[in-house]
Protein backbone atom coordinates (compact mmCIF):
# COMPACT_ATOMS: atom_id res chain seq x y z
CA MET A 1 188.93 153.43 100.09
CA VAL A 2 189.69 153.62 96.40
CA SER A 3 192.54 151.33 95.44
CA THR A 4 195.76 153.29 95.07
CA GLY A 5 198.04 150.46 94.11
CA LYS A 6 198.29 146.75 93.41
CA MET A 7 200.44 144.06 94.95
CA THR A 8 201.64 141.60 92.32
CA ASP A 9 203.41 138.27 92.36
CA GLY A 10 205.92 139.34 89.70
CA GLY A 11 203.81 137.96 86.86
CA GLY A 12 201.24 140.73 86.84
CA HIS A 13 198.80 138.98 89.16
CA GLU A 14 197.48 140.64 92.27
CA SER A 15 198.64 138.82 95.38
CA LEU A 16 196.01 137.53 97.75
CA ARG A 17 197.02 138.23 101.34
CA LYS A 18 196.03 135.83 104.10
CA VAL A 19 195.21 137.81 107.23
CA SER A 20 195.10 136.22 110.68
CA ILE A 21 193.25 137.56 113.70
CA SER A 22 196.61 138.17 115.37
CA ARG A 23 197.77 140.24 112.41
CA ILE A 24 194.67 142.45 112.60
CA LYS A 25 195.41 142.88 116.29
CA ARG A 26 198.99 143.96 115.57
CA GLU A 27 198.47 146.23 112.60
CA MET A 28 195.19 148.08 113.19
CA ASN A 29 194.72 151.22 115.26
CA ASP A 30 191.98 151.58 117.89
CA VAL A 31 191.92 147.82 118.33
CA PHE A 32 190.45 145.78 121.21
CA TYR A 33 191.18 142.08 121.41
CA LEU A 34 190.92 138.86 123.39
CA SER A 35 194.14 136.92 122.80
CA ASP A 36 194.29 135.93 119.10
CA ASP A 37 190.64 134.86 119.06
CA LEU A 38 188.56 138.05 118.97
CA VAL A 39 189.23 141.54 117.61
CA ILE A 40 187.07 144.65 117.44
CA THR A 41 188.36 147.67 115.56
CA SER A 42 187.17 150.61 113.49
CA LEU A 43 187.68 151.14 109.77
CA ASP A 44 187.72 154.27 107.67
CA ALA A 45 188.69 155.28 104.15
CA PHE A 46 192.33 155.65 105.14
CA SER A 47 192.89 152.55 107.28
CA ASN A 48 191.43 149.89 105.02
CA SER A 49 194.15 147.72 103.47
CA THR A 50 191.64 145.87 101.27
CA ALA A 51 191.65 148.95 99.03
CA GLU A 52 195.26 148.09 98.17
CA TYR A 53 195.03 144.33 97.69
CA PRO A 54 192.55 141.46 98.15
CA ILE A 55 192.60 139.68 101.51
CA SER A 56 191.31 136.48 103.03
CA ILE A 57 190.70 136.43 106.79
CA ASP A 58 191.58 133.27 108.70
CA GLY A 59 188.35 133.31 110.67
CA PHE A 60 184.83 134.72 110.64
CA ALA A 61 184.20 138.46 110.41
CA ALA A 62 181.41 141.01 110.30
CA VAL A 63 181.48 144.66 109.26
CA ILE A 64 178.85 147.10 110.51
CA MET A 65 178.67 150.10 108.19
CA MET A 66 178.19 153.39 110.07
CA THR A 67 178.65 156.22 107.55
CA GLY A 68 179.37 156.73 103.88
CA GLU A 69 179.26 154.08 101.19
CA ALA A 70 181.59 151.43 99.82
CA THR A 71 181.58 148.80 97.09
CA LEU A 72 183.03 145.46 98.15
CA SER A 73 183.91 142.39 96.15
CA ILE A 74 183.15 139.27 98.21
CA ASP A 75 184.02 135.96 96.56
CA MET A 76 183.91 137.59 93.11
CA GLN A 77 180.50 139.23 93.66
CA ASN A 78 180.10 143.00 94.09
CA TYR A 79 178.00 144.57 96.85
CA VAL A 80 177.24 148.22 97.64
CA ILE A 81 177.46 148.71 101.42
CA ARG A 82 175.63 151.59 103.12
CA PRO A 83 174.79 152.63 106.70
CA ASN A 84 172.57 150.11 108.51
CA ASN A 85 174.19 147.26 106.56
CA ILE A 86 175.92 144.34 108.25
CA VAL A 87 178.30 142.33 106.08
CA PHE A 88 179.31 138.76 106.94
CA PHE A 89 182.52 137.03 105.86
CA ASN A 90 183.26 133.33 105.92
CA PRO A 91 186.72 132.01 106.73
CA ASP A 92 188.79 132.30 103.54
CA SER A 93 186.31 134.59 101.74
CA ILE A 94 188.11 136.77 99.19
CA ILE A 95 187.49 140.42 100.13
CA ARG A 96 188.41 143.53 98.15
CA THR A 97 187.28 147.15 98.47
CA LEU A 98 186.64 148.41 94.94
CA LYS A 99 185.68 151.97 95.87
CA SER A 100 184.31 154.05 98.72
CA LEU A 101 183.44 157.55 99.77
CA SER A 102 186.00 159.44 101.84
CA ASN A 103 183.59 159.56 104.81
CA ALA A 104 183.08 155.79 104.93
CA THR A 105 183.43 154.36 108.45
CA ALA A 106 182.63 150.96 109.93
CA PHE A 107 183.19 148.60 112.83
CA LEU A 108 184.98 145.31 112.21
CA LEU A 109 184.49 142.25 114.38
CA ALA A 110 186.73 139.27 113.58
CA PHE A 111 186.92 136.02 115.48
CA SER A 112 188.67 132.69 115.08
CA LYS A 113 187.04 129.33 114.37
CA SER A 114 188.27 128.04 117.73
CA PHE A 115 186.54 130.94 119.50
CA VAL A 116 183.24 129.91 117.92
CA ASN A 117 183.79 126.29 118.91
CA GLU A 118 184.27 127.29 122.55
CA ILE A 119 180.94 129.13 122.73
CA GLN A 120 177.81 127.15 123.51
CA ILE A 121 175.50 128.19 120.67
CA ASP A 122 172.55 126.06 119.63
CA LEU A 123 173.19 124.72 116.13
CA SER A 124 169.59 125.17 115.02
CA SER A 125 169.95 128.88 115.81
CA SER A 126 173.39 129.31 114.28
CA LEU A 127 172.64 127.59 110.99
CA PRO A 128 170.59 130.41 109.40
CA VAL A 129 173.44 132.85 110.06
CA TYR A 130 176.04 130.37 108.80
CA MET A 131 174.07 129.85 105.61
CA ARG A 132 173.69 133.61 105.15
CA PHE A 133 177.47 134.10 105.30
CA GLY A 134 177.85 132.37 101.96
CA LYS A 135 174.51 132.99 100.25
CA ALA A 136 173.57 136.57 101.17
CA PRO A 137 176.44 138.30 102.98
CA VAL A 138 174.78 141.73 103.28
CA LEU A 139 171.99 142.20 105.82
CA GLU A 140 170.04 145.47 105.94
CA VAL A 141 168.67 146.39 109.37
CA LYS A 142 167.08 149.37 111.12
CA PRO A 143 169.05 152.20 112.77
CA ILE A 144 167.86 151.04 116.19
CA ASP A 145 169.29 147.58 115.47
CA ILE A 146 172.65 149.07 114.60
CA GLU A 147 172.58 151.10 117.81
CA GLU A 148 171.89 147.99 119.89
CA ILE A 149 174.80 146.16 118.24
CA ARG A 150 177.05 149.17 118.70
CA GLN A 151 176.22 149.27 122.40
CA LEU A 152 177.08 145.57 122.73
CA PHE A 153 180.38 146.20 120.97
CA GLN A 154 181.04 149.05 123.36
CA CYS A 155 180.37 146.75 126.33
CA ILE A 156 182.81 144.18 124.92
CA LYS A 157 185.43 146.90 124.41
CA THR A 158 184.90 148.18 127.96
CA ILE A 159 185.48 144.72 129.45
CA LEU A 160 188.50 144.11 127.23
CA ARG A 161 190.26 147.21 128.52
CA SER A 162 189.12 146.93 132.16
CA ASP A 163 191.12 145.58 135.09
CA LYS A 164 188.55 142.86 135.73
CA GLU A 165 190.72 139.94 134.67
CA ARG A 166 189.50 136.92 136.62
CA TYR A 167 186.28 136.36 134.65
CA ARG A 168 187.09 138.47 131.59
CA ASN A 169 186.92 135.58 129.13
CA GLU A 170 183.58 134.43 130.49
CA MET A 171 182.12 137.96 130.31
CA ILE A 172 183.35 138.47 126.75
CA ARG A 173 181.93 135.16 125.59
CA THR A 174 178.58 135.98 127.18
CA LEU A 175 178.44 139.38 125.47
CA PHE A 176 179.52 137.86 122.16
CA THR A 177 176.81 135.20 122.44
CA THR A 178 174.28 137.98 123.08
CA ALA A 179 175.45 139.82 119.95
CA PHE A 180 175.29 136.58 117.96
CA TYR A 181 171.69 135.85 118.94
CA LEU A 182 170.72 139.46 118.23
CA ILE A 183 172.13 139.21 114.70
CA THR A 184 170.52 135.77 114.28
CA GLU A 185 167.11 137.23 115.08
CA LEU A 186 167.68 140.12 112.66
CA SER A 187 168.65 137.64 109.95
CA GLN A 188 165.59 135.49 110.49
CA ARG A 189 163.31 138.51 110.78
CA GLU A 190 164.32 139.72 107.34
CA ARG A 191 164.34 136.31 105.69
CA PRO A 192 162.78 133.54 107.79
CA VAL A 193 164.36 130.15 107.27
CA ALA A 194 162.28 127.14 108.22
CA ILE A 195 164.81 124.82 109.84
CA LYS A 196 163.95 122.09 112.31
CA PRO A 197 166.60 121.36 114.88
CA GLY A 198 167.87 117.81 114.94
CA ARG A 199 170.04 115.27 113.17
CA ALA A 200 169.64 116.96 109.78
CA GLU A 201 171.32 120.17 110.95
CA VAL A 202 174.15 118.23 112.59
CA LEU A 203 174.78 116.28 109.37
CA PHE A 204 174.71 119.44 107.29
CA ASP A 205 177.22 121.11 109.58
CA GLU A 206 179.50 118.05 109.42
CA PHE A 207 179.16 117.97 105.63
CA ILE A 208 180.21 121.62 105.34
CA SER A 209 183.22 120.99 107.59
CA LEU A 210 184.27 118.03 105.44
CA LEU A 211 183.76 120.08 102.29
CA GLN A 212 186.04 122.84 103.55
CA ARG A 213 188.66 120.20 104.30
CA TYR A 214 188.49 118.06 101.16
CA ASN A 215 187.12 120.27 98.36
CA LYS A 216 190.53 120.49 96.68
CA ARG A 217 190.57 116.77 96.01
CA GLU A 218 187.07 115.25 96.36
CA ARG A 219 184.06 116.13 94.21
CA ASN A 220 181.90 113.04 94.66
CA VAL A 221 178.88 113.02 96.97
CA SER A 222 179.59 109.37 97.82
CA PHE A 223 182.96 110.32 99.36
CA TYR A 224 181.32 112.71 101.83
CA ALA A 225 178.49 110.29 102.53
CA LYS A 226 181.03 107.57 103.36
CA GLN A 227 182.84 109.91 105.76
CA LEU A 228 179.50 110.51 107.52
CA ASP A 229 178.57 106.79 107.43
CA ILE A 230 175.34 107.42 105.53
CA THR A 231 174.17 106.77 101.96
CA PRO A 232 174.73 109.35 99.20
CA LYS A 233 170.97 109.49 98.65
CA TYR A 234 170.32 110.29 102.30
CA LEU A 235 173.07 112.92 102.41
CA SER A 236 171.64 114.62 99.32
CA SER A 237 168.17 114.57 100.82
CA VAL A 238 169.33 116.07 104.13
CA VAL A 239 171.45 118.81 102.54
CA LYS A 240 168.60 119.77 100.21
CA GLU A 241 166.11 119.88 103.09
CA VAL A 242 168.33 122.06 105.29
CA SER A 243 169.92 124.43 102.79
CA GLY A 244 167.73 124.38 99.69
CA LYS A 245 170.70 123.26 97.59
CA THR A 246 171.85 119.75 96.75
CA ALA A 247 175.07 118.31 98.13
CA ALA A 248 176.44 118.14 94.58
CA ARG A 249 175.77 121.84 94.07
CA TRP A 250 177.51 122.72 97.36
CA ILE A 251 180.51 120.69 96.20
CA ASP A 252 180.59 122.27 92.73
CA GLU A 253 180.25 125.83 94.09
CA SER A 254 183.05 125.21 96.56
CA VAL A 255 185.38 123.83 93.89
CA ILE A 256 184.57 126.61 91.42
CA LEU A 257 185.20 129.31 94.03
CA GLU A 258 188.57 127.71 94.81
CA ALA A 259 189.37 127.54 91.09
CA LYS A 260 188.40 131.19 90.52
CA THR A 261 190.59 132.27 93.43
CA LEU A 262 193.58 130.37 92.08
CA LEU A 263 193.05 131.64 88.53
CA LYS A 264 192.77 135.24 89.64
CA TYR A 265 195.31 135.48 92.42
CA SER A 266 197.79 132.59 92.53
CA GLY A 267 199.85 133.09 89.37
CA MET A 268 199.71 129.31 88.85
CA SER A 269 199.27 127.97 85.34
CA ILE A 270 195.95 126.37 84.40
CA GLN A 271 197.66 122.99 84.28
CA GLU A 272 199.04 123.52 87.79
CA ILE A 273 195.62 124.54 89.06
CA ALA A 274 194.02 121.47 87.47
CA TYR A 275 196.59 119.28 89.24
CA HIS A 276 196.15 121.18 92.52
CA LEU A 277 192.40 120.56 92.42
CA ASN A 278 192.89 116.86 91.59
CA PHE A 279 191.54 116.90 88.02
CA SER A 280 192.93 114.11 85.88
CA THR A 281 193.72 116.44 82.96
CA GLN A 282 193.74 120.15 82.18
CA SER A 283 191.09 119.47 79.55
CA PHE A 284 188.75 117.86 82.10
CA PHE A 285 189.25 120.83 84.42
CA GLY A 286 188.49 123.21 81.55
CA LYS A 287 185.25 121.44 80.69
CA TYR A 288 184.18 121.35 84.35
CA PHE A 289 184.93 125.05 84.84
CA LYS A 290 183.12 126.09 81.65
CA GLN A 291 180.11 123.93 82.49
CA HIS A 292 179.66 125.77 85.80
CA THR A 293 180.70 129.31 84.82
CA GLY A 294 179.95 129.62 81.12
CA THR A 295 183.54 130.62 80.33
CA SER A 296 186.89 128.87 79.99
CA PRO A 297 189.62 129.01 82.64
CA SER A 298 191.95 130.81 80.25
CA ARG A 299 189.38 133.48 79.44
CA TYR A 300 188.55 133.95 83.12
CA LYS A 301 192.25 134.19 83.94
CA ARG A 302 192.86 136.81 81.20
CA ARG A 303 189.85 138.82 82.30
CA GLY A 304 191.39 138.95 85.79
């Protein structure tokens, strides 16, 4: 999956391609799907478009590496992926295959946000996996774990292509929920996360949803606290308790990731990016970016 070419926006910048679940369904071979909400397909060194240009999937995704080896860039961080690795992707994560062996193969599972919302999954169980998506996207498991997941995928594929239509959606959701809880247990087994179910987890989840919605214009903890009808101090305390990071740090990391994406892929000027992210001046944006990254926006943009 070595990159053989680059898509550019005309100004020498690589174009970031937004990829929907429906597009994966249309363009991939050996694909199994449930409407535009769930797709299972196989990847190899010759069918992986992320070797040609960076992509961002409009939904959640997981890759289960079966053979070979690949190096992926996920949100500007590089990871070497080998057999018995599961890789998680958040909605809008920036994904690029930097290199791979010719025998690299994997399964891809991609699913929409609405699909997740329709499934009854206990928040206290889902939170460790959700947090892993952003903090530690690569999970190493045992061969027997991979085989169990593969068998579940095969069951989902069997139902998707069967003539049992009346309860197909219900069966698929049940199998998906089973796969989710299996991966959740694997995640907690490797790195236990002490999280107590309750109001704190609900608030954290609501905070993350607000952050994804408003991070381009709001960087103040008090704004998010007001939206949740709680005090900034209480919000900070809850977020720190649940995730190990302060609310302010979540906000800053979200804004910086957005800024890095725009600097690297959009072709926008630094002044345009500063305006897009609701900074009062380009200078203020530059100081903020350097404070959190150690480099200036212009240097980061040139480095590409």
